[in-house]
Amino acid sequence: MRKTRTTRLALLVAFTLVAPRSAATQVAMPPVNMGATSFMDGVAGPGILVEPGVIEYYHASRFVDADGVKIPGDNSIEAWSNLLHVGYITTRRVLGAFYGVEFLLPFASLDVDTDFGPRGQQSGVGDLIVSPLIMEWPNRTLFGKPYFSRFSVLAVLPTGSYDASRSVNVGSNSGGAFAYYSFTFLLRPELETSWRVFYLWNAKNPQPFEAISASTAQAGQAIHANYAISYALSPNVRVGANGYAFQQLTEHRLDGISLKKSRERVVAFGPGLALSSGFWSAIANVDFETLTRNRPQGYRVNVTLRRVFPHMPPAHSTE
């Protein structure tokens, strides 16, 4: 554990970044966390985490339908986003876990240009995300090796910039909720694997895009996961591989009616690097998408800068 202690004073990593909201269907899945969490994700402890820069860039020039066939035409999407993330984990215990809360506020800039529908540029504040419940289990063991894990429930509030007359929006105008379980398993002191598995539920949008002539729209439920494996070259440097997978479970709905063959899917893999110095750290990941259905297919770059303020127990009096 000595080699990982300096790098991994991070308290929690629970991002949901703004991502492309365009798809080949009439209803698009709102932004979700795709690849924004990776190395040593399950490790945390009491204190405050501030991430002033969770930067994501996404580019795709290939859109595919429900059968994985490229949609013809000149279609592209480019998205930049930055997320402000603040989390606090207390020293109080619930079921053996440290209890915590957090909030996340995204800012995004989207440029969508398709021949089949969505087209436009939009920048602004995305939907606010809050978690009233984080449960962080500290260092335990699994098969005799260190195991860290966390469970969290988050609400997505429809506070982002939205206009029903626009085909491209930063906000969802629907909100929803999701939960995840994250863990880090140290196979060796310098070798770890981290996973975060999500379940996502989306609420109804009471004012969908005007051109589709519907009174309500609702994106389907989904599961998705981020996964990573890394090796510590030194106490301050980690290298490895990471990726994500997304699978929609239920169809999108318009006016309560399911849209057949509207489920989205994507899988991605790529390299990653983590650097740290004292209570500062930075992680950079690149992921290349494949096996896509009903979504754009491209590549994604995530860069995260964080500062940890760990809980310091009061000094004991010597008198």
C-alpha atoms as a PDB file:
ATOM      1  CA  MET A   1       0.000   0.000   0.000  1.00  0.00           C
ATOM      2  CA  ARG A   2       2.914   2.387   0.506  1.00  0.00           C
ATOM      3  CA  LYS A   3       3.372   3.021  -3.209  1.00  0.00           C
ATOM      4  CA  THR A   4      -0.254   4.043  -3.731  1.00  0.00           C
ATOM      5  CA  ARG A   5      -0.902   6.086  -0.608  1.00  0.00           C
ATOM      6  CA  THR A   6       0.339   9.458  -1.877  1.00  0.00           C
ATOM      7  CA  THR A   7      -1.528   9.243  -5.154  1.00  0.00           C
ATOM      8  CA  ARG A   8      -4.762   7.891  -3.721  1.00  0.00           C
ATOM      9  CA  LEU A   9      -5.831  10.273  -0.993  1.00  0.00           C
ATOM     10  CA  ALA A  10      -8.718  11.101  -3.346  1.00  0.00           C
ATOM     11  CA  LEU A  11     -12.028  10.944  -1.525  1.00  0.00           C
ATOM     12  CA  LEU A  12     -14.469  10.057  -4.250  1.00  0.00           C
ATOM     13  CA  VAL A  13     -14.868  10.360  -7.970  1.00  0.00           C
ATOM     14  CA  ALA A  14     -18.494  10.549  -9.030  1.00  0.00           C
ATOM     15  CA  PHE A  15     -18.731  12.487 -12.223  1.00  0.00           C
ATOM     16  CA  THR A  16     -21.490  12.624 -14.793  1.00  0.00           C
ATOM     17  CA  LEU A  17     -20.113  14.668 -17.657  1.00  0.00           C
ATOM     18  CA  VAL A  18     -22.000  16.422 -20.395  1.00  0.00           C
ATOM     19  CA  ALA A  19     -21.836  14.271 -23.524  1.00  0.00           C
ATOM     20  CA  PRO A  20     -23.441  14.339 -26.992  1.00  0.00           C
ATOM     21  CA  ARG A  21     -27.239  14.391 -26.936  1.00  0.00           C
ATOM     22  CA  SER A  22     -27.774  13.438 -30.557  1.00  0.00           C
ATOM     23  CA  ALA A  23     -28.705   9.993 -31.813  1.00  0.00           C
ATOM     24  CA  ALA A  24     -30.375   8.366 -34.776  1.00  0.00           C
ATOM     25  CA  THR A  25     -33.661   8.095 -32.847  1.00  0.00           C
ATOM     26  CA  GLN A  26     -36.148  10.859 -32.029  1.00  0.00           C
ATOM     27  CA  VAL A  27     -35.279  10.678 -28.335  1.00  0.00           C
ATOM     28  CA  ALA A  28     -31.664  10.870 -27.158  1.00  0.00           C
ATOM     29  CA  MET A  29     -30.116   9.521 -23.970  1.00  0.00           C
ATOM     30  CA  PRO A  30     -29.087  12.392 -21.631  1.00  0.00           C
ATOM     31  CA  PRO A  31     -25.407  12.776 -20.731  1.00  0.00           C
ATOM     32  CA  VAL A  32     -23.859  10.040 -18.600  1.00  0.00           C
ATOM     33  CA  ASN A  33     -20.432   9.270 -17.164  1.00  0.00           C
ATOM     34  CA  MET A  34     -18.479   7.585 -19.930  1.00  0.00           C
ATOM     35  CA  GLY A  35     -14.821   7.050 -19.091  1.00  0.00           C
ATOM     36  CA  ALA A  36     -14.549   9.968 -16.673  1.00  0.00           C
ATOM     37  CA  THR A  37     -13.647   7.695 -13.770  1.00  0.00           C
ATOM     38  CA  SER A  38     -10.863   5.145 -13.991  1.00  0.00           C
ATOM     39  CA  PHE A  39      -7.733   4.402 -11.951  1.00  0.00           C
ATOM     40  CA  MET A  40      -8.099   3.758  -8.197  1.00  0.00           C
ATOM     41  CA  ASP A  41     -11.725   4.903  -8.383  1.00  0.00           C
ATOM     42  CA  GLY A  42     -12.947   3.052  -5.297  1.00  0.00           C
ATOM     43  CA  VAL A  43     -10.360   4.514  -2.901  1.00  0.00           C
ATOM     44  CA  ALA A  44     -11.541   7.408  -0.729  1.00  0.00           C
ATOM     45  CA  GLY A  45     -11.752   8.609   2.868  1.00  0.00           C
ATOM     46  CA  PRO A  46     -13.087  11.389   5.121  1.00  0.00           C
ATOM     47  CA  GLY A  47     -12.450  14.933   3.933  1.00  0.00           C
ATOM     48  CA  ILE A  48     -13.245  17.292   1.053  1.00  0.00           C
ATOM     49  CA  LEU A  49     -12.578  16.754  -2.633  1.00  0.00           C
ATOM     50  CA  VAL A  50     -12.573  19.677  -5.065  1.00  0.00           C
ATOM     51  CA  GLU A  51     -12.267  19.069  -8.790  1.00  0.00           C
ATOM     52  CA  PRO A  52     -12.205  22.449 -10.553  1.00  0.00           C
ATOM     53  CA  GLY A  53     -11.367  20.843 -13.862  1.00  0.00           C
ATOM     54  CA  VAL A  54     -13.044  17.694 -15.183  1.00  0.00           C
ATOM     55  CA  ILE A  55     -12.579  18.369 -18.873  1.00  0.00           C
ATOM     56  CA  GLU A  56     -14.011  16.218 -21.651  1.00  0.00           C
ATOM     57  CA  TYR A  57     -13.662  16.431 -25.412  1.00  0.00           C
ATOM     58  CA  TYR A  58     -15.734  14.229 -27.706  1.00  0.00           C
ATOM     59  CA  HIS A  59     -15.657  13.970 -31.487  1.00  0.00           C
ATOM     60  CA  ALA A  60     -17.579  11.690 -33.853  1.00  0.00           C
ATOM     61  CA  SER A  61     -18.103  11.729 -37.601  1.00  0.00           C
ATOM     62  CA  ARG A  62     -19.836   8.355 -37.790  1.00  0.00           C
ATOM     63  CA  PHE A  63     -23.455   7.801 -36.696  1.00  0.00           C
ATOM     64  CA  VAL A  64     -24.939   4.296 -36.695  1.00  0.00           C
ATOM     65  CA  ASP A  65     -28.484   2.908 -36.615  1.00  0.00           C
ATOM     66  CA  ALA A  66     -30.047   0.087 -34.589  1.00  0.00           C
ATOM     67  CA  ASP A  67     -28.258  -2.538 -36.716  1.00  0.00           C
ATOM     68  CA  GLY A  68     -24.843  -0.928 -36.438  1.00  0.00           C
ATOM     69  CA  VAL A  69     -24.969   0.372 -40.033  1.00  0.00           C
ATOM     70  CA  LYS A  70     -23.526   3.815 -40.706  1.00  0.00           C
ATOM     71  CA  ILE A  71     -26.161   6.454 -41.371  1.00  0.00           C
ATOM     72  CA  PRO A  72     -25.429   8.038 -44.767  1.00  0.00           C
ATOM     73  CA  GLY A  73     -24.627  11.693 -45.177  1.00  0.00           C
ATOM     74  CA  ASP A  74     -22.207  14.224 -43.747  1.00  0.00           C
ATOM     75  CA  ASN A  75     -22.747  13.883 -40.001  1.00  0.00           C
ATOM     76  CA  SER A  76     -20.537  15.086 -37.148  1.00  0.00           C
ATOM     77  CA  ILE A  77     -20.595  16.144 -33.531  1.00  0.00           C
ATOM     78  CA  GLU A  78     -18.025  17.938 -31.400  1.00  0.00           C
ATOM     79  CA  ALA A  79     -18.466  18.553 -27.688  1.00  0.00           C
ATOM     80  CA  TRP A  80     -16.421  20.241 -24.980  1.00  0.00           C
ATOM     81  CA  SER A  81     -17.377  20.173 -21.323  1.00  0.00           C
ATOM     82  CA  ASN A  82     -16.008  21.044 -17.918  1.00  0.00           C
ATOM     83  CA  LEU A  83     -17.438  19.836 -14.637  1.00  0.00           C
ATOM     84  CA  LEU A  84     -17.134  21.456 -11.224  1.00  0.00           C
ATOM     85  CA  HIS A  85     -17.256  18.695  -8.630  1.00  0.00           C
ATOM     86  CA  VAL A  86     -17.226  19.094  -4.835  1.00  0.00           C
ATOM     87  CA  GLY A  87     -17.604  16.152  -2.464  1.00  0.00           C
ATOM     88  CA  TYR A  88     -17.522  15.775   1.300  1.00  0.00           C
ATOM     89  CA  ILE A  89     -17.148  12.519   3.215  1.00  0.00           C
ATOM     90  CA  THR A  90     -17.697  12.673   6.960  1.00  0.00           C
ATOM     91  CA  THR A  91     -16.223  10.561   9.737  1.00  0.00           C
ATOM     92  CA  ARG A  92     -19.692   9.225  10.571  1.00  0.00           C
ATOM     93  CA  ARG A  93     -20.397   5.586   9.795  1.00  0.00           C
ATOM     94  CA  VAL A  94     -23.476   3.983   8.225  1.00  0.00           C
ATOM     95  CA  LEU A  95     -23.405   0.179   7.931  1.00  0.00           C
ATOM     96  CA  GLY A  96     -19.659   0.325   8.413  1.00  0.00           C
ATOM     97  CA  ALA A  97     -19.180   2.934   5.662  1.00  0.00           C
ATOM     98  CA  PHE A  98     -18.219   6.586   5.878  1.00  0.00           C
ATOM     99  CA  TYR A  99     -21.207   8.780   4.950  1.00  0.00           C
ATOM    100  CA  GLY A 100     -20.894  11.644   2.461  1.00  0.00           C
ATOM    101  CA  VAL A 101     -22.576  14.046   0.033  1.00  0.00           C
ATOM    102  CA  GLU A 102     -21.576  15.827  -3.188  1.00  0.00           C
ATOM    103  CA  PHE A 103     -22.696  18.078  -6.043  1.00  0.00           C
ATOM    104  CA  LEU A 104     -21.642  18.360  -9.673  1.00  0.00           C
ATOM    105  CA  LEU A 105     -22.261  21.260 -12.068  1.00  0.00           C
ATOM    106  CA  PRO A 106     -21.384  20.871 -15.780  1.00  0.00           C
ATOM    107  CA  PHE A 107     -20.677  23.518 -18.421  1.00  0.00           C
ATOM    108  CA  ALA A 108     -20.732  22.456 -22.065  1.00  0.00           C
ATOM    109  CA  SER A 109     -20.342  23.562 -25.659  1.00  0.00           C
ATOM    110  CA  LEU A 110     -21.907  21.443 -28.418  1.00  0.00           C
ATOM    111  CA  ASP A 111     -21.586  21.633 -32.204  1.00  0.00           C
ATOM    112  CA  VAL A 112     -23.853  19.186 -34.042  1.00  0.00           C
ATOM    113  CA  ASP A 113     -24.147  19.003 -37.828  1.00  0.00           C
ATOM    114  CA  THR A 114     -26.146  16.119 -39.350  1.00  0.00           C
ATOM    115  CA  ASP A 115     -27.940  15.542 -42.617  1.00  0.00           C
ATOM    116  CA  PHE A 116     -30.625  13.392 -40.962  1.00  0.00           C
ATOM    117  CA  GLY A 117     -31.829  15.855 -38.318  1.00  0.00           C
ATOM    118  CA  PRO A 118     -30.118  17.556 -35.356  1.00  0.00           C
ATOM    119  CA  ARG A 119     -28.097  20.614 -36.324  1.00  0.00           C
ATOM    120  CA  GLY A 120     -26.846  23.592 -34.340  1.00  0.00           C
ATOM    121  CA  GLN A 121     -24.470  24.989 -31.744  1.00  0.00           C
ATOM    122  CA  GLN A 122     -25.178  25.501 -28.092  1.00  0.00           C
ATOM    123  CA  SER A 123     -23.175  26.426 -24.973  1.00  0.00           C
ATOM    124  CA  GLY A 124     -24.257  26.834 -21.369  1.00  0.00           C
ATOM    125  CA  VAL A 125     -24.780  25.304 -17.961  1.00  0.00           C
ATOM    126  CA  GLY A 126     -25.903  21.679 -17.804  1.00  0.00           C
ATOM    127  CA  ASP A 127     -28.141  19.886 -15.307  1.00  0.00           C
ATOM    128  CA  LEU A 128     -27.132  20.072 -11.643  1.00  0.00           C
ATOM    129  CA  ILE A 129     -26.392  16.693 -10.029  1.00  0.00           C
ATOM    130  CA  VAL A 130     -26.592  16.149  -6.276  1.00  0.00           C
ATOM    131  CA  SER A 131     -26.008  13.149  -4.059  1.00  0.00           C
ATOM    132  CA  PRO A 132     -27.500  13.007  -0.557  1.00  0.00           C
ATOM    133  CA  LEU A 133     -26.000   9.551   0.002  1.00  0.00           C
ATOM    134  CA  ILE A 134     -22.440   8.343  -0.459  1.00  0.00           C
ATOM    135  CA  MET A 135     -21.286   5.273   1.442  1.00  0.00           C
ATOM    136  CA  GLU A 136     -17.531   4.668   1.336  1.00  0.00           C
ATOM    137  CA  TRP A 137     -16.144   1.424   2.734  1.00  0.00           C
ATOM    138  CA  PRO A 138     -12.450   1.876   3.545  1.00  0.00           C
ATOM    139  CA  ASN A 139      -9.673  -0.664   3.251  1.00  0.00           C
ATOM    140  CA  ARG A 140     -11.126  -4.183   3.473  1.00  0.00           C
ATOM    141  CA  THR A 141      -9.907  -7.445   2.033  1.00  0.00           C
ATOM    142  CA  LEU A 142     -11.100  -9.770  -0.723  1.00  0.00           C
ATOM    143  CA  PHE A 143      -9.273 -13.061  -1.180  1.00  0.00           C
ATOM    144  CA  GLY A 144      -6.722 -11.669   1.243  1.00  0.00           C
ATOM    145  CA  LYS A 145      -6.008  -8.559  -0.859  1.00  0.00           C
ATOM    146  CA  PRO A 146      -6.977  -4.875  -0.273  1.00  0.00           C
ATOM    147  CA  TYR A 147     -10.469  -3.972  -1.516  1.00  0.00           C
ATOM    148  CA  PHE A 148     -12.086  -0.523  -1.460  1.00  0.00           C
ATOM    149  CA  SER A 149     -15.680   0.202  -2.470  1.00  0.00           C
ATOM    150  CA  ARG A 150     -18.347   2.883  -2.589  1.00  0.00           C
ATOM    151  CA  PHE A 151     -22.101   3.131  -3.206  1.00  0.00           C
ATOM    152  CA  SER A 152     -23.880   6.342  -4.166  1.00  0.00           C
ATOM    153  CA  VAL A 153     -27.345   7.549  -5.184  1.00  0.00           C
ATOM    154  CA  LEU A 154     -27.618  10.762  -7.218  1.00  0.00           C
ATOM    155  CA  ALA A 155     -30.443  12.966  -8.535  1.00  0.00           C
ATOM    156  CA  VAL A 156     -30.229  14.851 -11.825  1.00  0.00           C
ATOM    157  CA  LEU A 157     -32.117  18.147 -11.602  1.00  0.00           C
ATOM    158  CA  PRO A 158     -33.420  19.708 -14.875  1.00  0.00           C
ATOM    159  CA  THR A 159     -31.712  23.060 -14.303  1.00  0.00           C
ATOM    160  CA  GLY A 160     -29.625  23.185 -17.493  1.00  0.00           C
ATOM    161  CA  SER A 161     -30.063  25.428 -20.508  1.00  0.00           C
ATOM    162  CA  TYR A 162     -32.967  24.125 -22.628  1.00  0.00           C
ATOM    163  CA  ASP A 163     -35.309  25.385 -25.333  1.00  0.00           C
ATOM    164  CA  ALA A 164     -37.861  23.146 -27.066  1.00  0.00           C
ATOM    165  CA  SER A 165     -37.383  25.042 -30.313  1.00  0.00           C
ATOM    166  CA  ARG A 166     -33.736  23.919 -30.494  1.00  0.00           C
ATOM    167  CA  SER A 167     -32.651  20.487 -31.717  1.00  0.00           C
ATOM    168  CA  VAL A 168     -29.420  20.774 -29.703  1.00  0.00           C
ATOM    169  CA  ASN A 169     -29.504  21.515 -25.973  1.00  0.00           C
ATOM    170  CA  VAL A 170     -27.090  21.336 -23.046  1.00  0.00           C
ATOM    171  CA  GLY A 171     -29.862  20.645 -20.503  1.00  0.00           C
ATOM    172  CA  SER A 172     -32.200  17.636 -20.612  1.00  0.00           C
ATOM    173  CA  ASN A 173     -35.427  19.291 -19.314  1.00  0.00           C
ATOM    174  CA  SER A 174     -36.254  15.951 -17.723  1.00  0.00           C
ATOM    175  CA  GLY A 175     -33.938  15.039 -14.887  1.00  0.00           C
ATOM    176  CA  GLY A 176     -33.725  11.578 -13.426  1.00  0.00           C
ATOM    177  CA  ALA A 177     -31.724   9.518 -10.979  1.00  0.00           C
ATOM    178  CA  PHE A 178     -28.929   6.988 -10.975  1.00  0.00           C
ATOM    179  CA  ALA A 179     -26.990   4.832  -8.572  1.00  0.00           C
ATOM    180  CA  TYR A 180     -23.577   3.278  -8.840  1.00  0.00           C
ATOM    181  CA  TYR A 181     -21.261   0.856  -7.095  1.00  0.00           C
ATOM    182  CA  SER A 182     -17.530   1.465  -7.451  1.00  0.00           C
ATOM    183  CA  PHE A 183     -14.613  -0.661  -6.309  1.00  0.00           C
ATOM    184  CA  THR A 184     -10.833  -0.901  -6.494  1.00  0.00           C
ATOM    185  CA  PHE A 185      -9.099  -4.256  -6.038  1.00  0.00           C
ATOM    186  CA  LEU A 186      -5.327  -4.305  -5.474  1.00  0.00           C
ATOM    187  CA  LEU A 187      -4.064  -7.448  -7.179  1.00  0.00           C
ATOM    188  CA  ARG A 188      -0.553  -6.455  -6.086  1.00  0.00           C
ATOM    189  CA  PRO A 189       0.663  -3.290  -4.293  1.00  0.00           C
ATOM    190  CA  GLU A 190       1.492  -1.715  -7.667  1.00  0.00           C
ATOM    191  CA  LEU A 191      -1.271  -3.340  -9.767  1.00  0.00           C
ATOM    192  CA  GLU A 192      -4.974  -2.498  -9.431  1.00  0.00           C
ATOM    193  CA  THR A 193      -8.267  -2.803 -11.260  1.00  0.00           C
ATOM    194  CA  SER A 194     -11.176  -0.409 -10.744  1.00  0.00           C
ATOM    195  CA  TRP A 195     -14.799  -0.632 -11.881  1.00  0.00           C
ATOM    196  CA  ARG A 196     -17.855   1.580 -11.538  1.00  0.00           C
ATOM    197  CA  VAL A 197     -21.258   0.096 -12.460  1.00  0.00           C
ATOM    198  CA  PHE A 198     -24.303   2.384 -12.923  1.00  0.00           C
ATOM    199  CA  TYR A 199     -28.060   1.991 -13.159  1.00  0.00           C
ATOM    200  CA  LEU A 200     -29.817   4.961 -14.811  1.00  0.00           C
ATOM    201  CA  TRP A 201     -33.468   6.029 -14.777  1.00  0.00           C
ATOM    202  CA  ASN A 202     -34.679   9.025 -16.830  1.00  0.00           C
ATOM    203  CA  ALA A 203     -37.776  11.111 -16.108  1.00  0.00           C
ATOM    204  CA  LYS A 204     -40.159  12.461 -18.748  1.00  0.00           C
ATOM    205  CA  ASN A 205     -39.441  15.610 -20.709  1.00  0.00           C
ATOM    206  CA  PRO A 206     -42.751  17.548 -20.717  1.00  0.00           C
ATOM    207  CA  GLN A 207     -41.598  19.794 -23.587  1.00  0.00           C
ATOM    208  CA  PRO A 208     -39.631  17.769 -26.142  1.00  0.00           C
ATOM    209  CA  PHE A 209     -38.210  19.169 -29.362  1.00  0.00           C
ATOM    210  CA  GLU A 210     -41.116  20.856 -31.151  1.00  0.00           C
ATOM    211  CA  ALA A 211     -40.401  19.269 -34.535  1.00  0.00           C
ATOM    212  CA  ILE A 212     -41.248  15.753 -33.308  1.00  0.00           C
ATOM    213  CA  SER A 213     -44.829  16.840 -32.439  1.00  0.00           C
ATOM    214  CA  ALA A 214     -45.074  14.995 -29.126  1.00  0.00           C
ATOM    215  CA  SER A 215     -46.272  16.154 -25.714  1.00  0.00           C
ATOM    216  CA  THR A 216     -43.769  14.032 -23.747  1.00  0.00           C
ATOM    217  CA  ALA A 217     -40.530  12.195 -24.386  1.00  0.00           C
ATOM    218  CA  GLN A 218     -38.693   9.807 -22.092  1.00  0.00           C
ATOM    219  CA  ALA A 219     -35.291   8.217 -22.573  1.00  0.00           C
ATOM    220  CA  GLY A 220     -35.005   4.555 -21.605  1.00  0.00           C
ATOM    221  CA  GLN A 221     -33.425   2.995 -18.560  1.00  0.00           C
ATOM    222  CA  ALA A 222     -29.850   1.798 -18.891  1.00  0.00           C
ATOM    223  CA  ILE A 223     -26.845   0.208 -17.259  1.00  0.00           C
ATOM    224  CA  HIS A 224     -23.278   1.245 -17.948  1.00  0.00           C
ATOM    225  CA  ALA A 225     -19.816   0.770 -16.512  1.00  0.00           C
ATOM    226  CA  ASN A 226     -16.355   2.298 -16.473  1.00  0.00           C
ATOM    227  CA  TYR A 227     -13.416  -0.096 -16.104  1.00  0.00           C
ATOM    228  CA  ALA A 228      -9.674   0.298 -15.743  1.00  0.00           C
ATOM    229  CA  ILE A 229      -6.454  -1.452 -14.861  1.00  0.00           C
ATOM    230  CA  SER A 230      -3.240   0.372 -13.963  1.00  0.00           C
ATOM    231  CA  TYR A 231       0.334  -0.193 -12.863  1.00  0.00           C
ATOM    232  CA  ALA A 232       2.320   2.138 -10.583  1.00  0.00           C
ATOM    233  CA  LEU A 233       5.658   3.017 -12.181  1.00  0.00           C
ATOM    234  CA  SER A 234       6.400   5.077  -9.059  1.00  0.00           C
ATOM    235  CA  PRO A 235       4.429   6.443  -6.095  1.00  0.00           C
ATOM    236  CA  ASN A 236       3.463   9.426  -8.295  1.00  0.00           C
ATOM    237  CA  VAL A 237       2.921   7.863 -11.744  1.00  0.00           C
ATOM    238  CA  ARG A 238       0.435   5.256 -12.965  1.00  0.00           C
ATOM    239  CA  VAL A 239      -0.143   3.977 -16.490  1.00  0.00           C
ATOM    240  CA  GLY A 240      -2.800   1.611 -17.737  1.00  0.00           C
ATOM    241  CA  ALA A 241      -5.864   0.935 -19.855  1.00  0.00           C
ATOM    242  CA  ASN A 242      -9.453   2.048 -19.360  1.00  0.00           C
ATOM    243  CA  GLY A 243     -12.811   2.092 -21.080  1.00  0.00           C
ATOM    244  CA  TYR A 244     -16.572   2.089 -20.770  1.00  0.00           C
ATOM    245  CA  ALA A 245     -19.643   0.162 -21.875  1.00  0.00           C
ATOM    246  CA  PHE A 246     -23.244   1.366 -22.158  1.00  0.00           C
ATOM    247  CA  GLN A 247     -26.386  -0.690 -22.777  1.00  0.00           C
ATOM    248  CA  GLN A 248     -29.909   0.715 -22.810  1.00  0.00           C
ATOM    249  CA  LEU A 249     -32.415  -1.689 -21.210  1.00  0.00           C
ATOM    250  CA  THR A 250     -35.792  -0.231 -22.211  1.00  0.00           C
ATOM    251  CA  GLU A 251     -36.884   1.583 -25.367  1.00  0.00           C
ATOM    252  CA  HIS A 252     -37.206   5.346 -25.622  1.00  0.00           C
ATOM    253  CA  ARG A 253     -40.815   6.551 -25.406  1.00  0.00           C
ATOM    254  CA  LEU A 254     -42.836   9.300 -27.101  1.00  0.00           C
ATOM    255  CA  ASP A 255     -46.247  10.138 -25.592  1.00  0.00           C
ATOM    256  CA  GLY A 256     -45.887   6.952 -23.547  1.00  0.00           C
ATOM    257  CA  ILE A 257     -45.434   4.740 -26.630  1.00  0.00           C
ATOM    258  CA  SER A 258     -42.208   2.737 -26.981  1.00  0.00           C
ATOM    259  CA  LEU A 259     -40.059   3.417 -30.037  1.00  0.00           C
ATOM    260  CA  LYS A 260     -39.032   0.065 -31.487  1.00  0.00           C
ATOM    261  CA  LYS A 261     -35.331  -0.579 -31.998  1.00  0.00           C
ATOM    262  CA  SER A 262     -34.340   2.627 -30.194  1.00  0.00           C
ATOM    263  CA  ARG A 263     -31.982   1.127 -27.597  1.00  0.00           C
ATOM    264  CA  GLU A 264     -28.507   2.610 -27.513  1.00  0.00           C
ATOM    265  CA  ARG A 265     -25.202   0.789 -27.008  1.00  0.00           C
ATOM    266  CA  VAL A 266     -21.498   1.569 -27.091  1.00  0.00           C
ATOM    267  CA  VAL A 267     -18.222   0.006 -25.917  1.00  0.00           C
ATOM    268  CA  ALA A 268     -14.855   1.788 -25.689  1.00  0.00           C
ATOM    269  CA  PHE A 269     -11.210   1.123 -24.777  1.00  0.00           C
ATOM    270  CA  GLY A 270      -8.045   3.221 -24.565  1.00  0.00           C
ATOM    271  CA  PRO A 271      -4.894   4.197 -22.619  1.00  0.00           C
ATOM    272  CA  GLY A 272      -4.606   6.320 -19.484  1.00  0.00           C
ATOM    273  CA  LEU A 273      -2.094   8.133 -17.282  1.00  0.00           C
ATOM    274  CA  ALA A 274      -2.272   9.374 -13.666  1.00  0.00           C
ATOM    275  CA  LEU A 275       0.130  11.834 -12.002  1.00  0.00           C
ATOM    276  CA  SER A 276       0.182  13.118  -8.430  1.00  0.00           C
ATOM    277  CA  SER A 277       2.065  15.503  -6.175  1.00  0.00           C
ATOM    278  CA  GLY A 278       1.066  15.900  -2.549  1.00  0.00           C
ATOM    279  CA  PHE A 279      -2.696  16.432  -2.382  1.00  0.00           C
ATOM    280  CA  TRP A 280      -2.951  17.311  -6.100  1.00  0.00           C
ATOM    281  CA  SER A 281      -3.475  14.746  -8.830  1.00  0.00           C
ATOM    282  CA  ALA A 282      -4.382  14.567 -12.513  1.00  0.00           C
ATOM    283  CA  ILE A 283      -5.733  11.735 -14.668  1.00  0.00           C
ATOM    284  CA  ALA A 284      -5.922  11.660 -18.465  1.00  0.00           C
ATOM    285  CA  ASN A 285      -7.772   8.998 -20.502  1.00  0.00           C
ATOM    286  CA  VAL A 286      -8.456   8.469 -24.198  1.00  0.00           C
ATOM    287  CA  ASP A 287     -11.194   6.042 -25.316  1.00  0.00           C
ATOM    288  CA  PHE A 288     -12.075   4.825 -28.808  1.00  0.00           C
ATOM    289  CA  GLU A 289     -15.640   3.626 -29.381  1.00  0.00           C
ATOM    290  CA  THR A 290     -16.895   0.495 -31.128  1.00  0.00           C
ATOM    291  CA  LEU A 291     -19.942  -1.850 -31.257  1.00  0.00           C
ATOM    292  CA  THR A 292     -22.195   1.222 -31.341  1.00  0.00           C
ATOM    293  CA  ARG A 293     -25.962   1.205 -31.828  1.00  0.00           C
ATOM    294  CA  ASN A 294     -28.265   4.247 -32.242  1.00  0.00           C
ATOM    295  CA  ARG A 295     -25.471   6.662 -31.287  1.00  0.00           C
ATOM    296  CA  PRO A 296     -22.584   8.601 -32.744  1.00  0.00           C
ATOM    297  CA  GLN A 297     -19.314   6.632 -32.715  1.00  0.00           C
ATOM    298  CA  GLY A 298     -16.027   8.448 -32.161  1.00  0.00           C
ATOM    299  CA  TYR A 299     -13.373   9.056 -29.537  1.00  0.00           C
ATOM    300  CA  ARG A 300     -13.371  10.721 -26.123  1.00  0.00           C
ATOM    301  CA  VAL A 301     -10.645  12.450 -24.106  1.00  0.00           C
ATOM    302  CA  ASN A 302     -11.058  12.991 -20.356  1.00  0.00           C
ATOM    303  CA  VAL A 303      -8.686  15.055 -18.193  1.00  0.00           C
ATOM    304  CA  THR A 304      -9.347  15.470 -14.458  1.00  0.00           C
ATOM    305  CA  LEU A 305      -7.569  17.805 -12.037  1.00  0.00           C
ATOM    306  CA  ARG A 306      -8.323  17.366  -8.334  1.00  0.00           C
ATOM    307  CA  ARG A 307      -7.332  18.660  -4.920  1.00  0.00           C
ATOM    308  CA  VAL A 308      -7.971  16.685  -1.746  1.00  0.00           C
ATOM    309  CA  PHE A 309      -8.383  18.180   1.722  1.00  0.00           C
ATOM    310  CA  PRO A 310      -8.257  15.075   3.963  1.00  0.00           C
ATOM    311  CA  HIS A 311      -9.847  14.998   7.377  1.00  0.00           C
ATOM    312  CA  MET A 312      -7.214  15.631  10.035  1.00  0.00           C
ATOM    313  CA  PRO A 313      -8.110  14.206  13.484  1.00  0.00           C
ATOM    314  CA  PRO A 314      -7.493  16.649  16.357  1.00  0.00           C
ATOM    315  CA  ALA A 315      -4.171  16.252  18.137  1.00  0.00           C
ATOM    316  CA  HIS A 316      -4.401  14.540  21.528  1.00  0.00           C
ATOM    317  CA  SER A 317      -3.367  16.567  24.531  1.00  0.00           C
ATOM    318  CA  THR A 318      -0.202  15.361  26.291  1.00  0.00           C
ATOM    319  CA  GLU A 319      -1.223  16.896  29.596  1.00  0.00           C
END
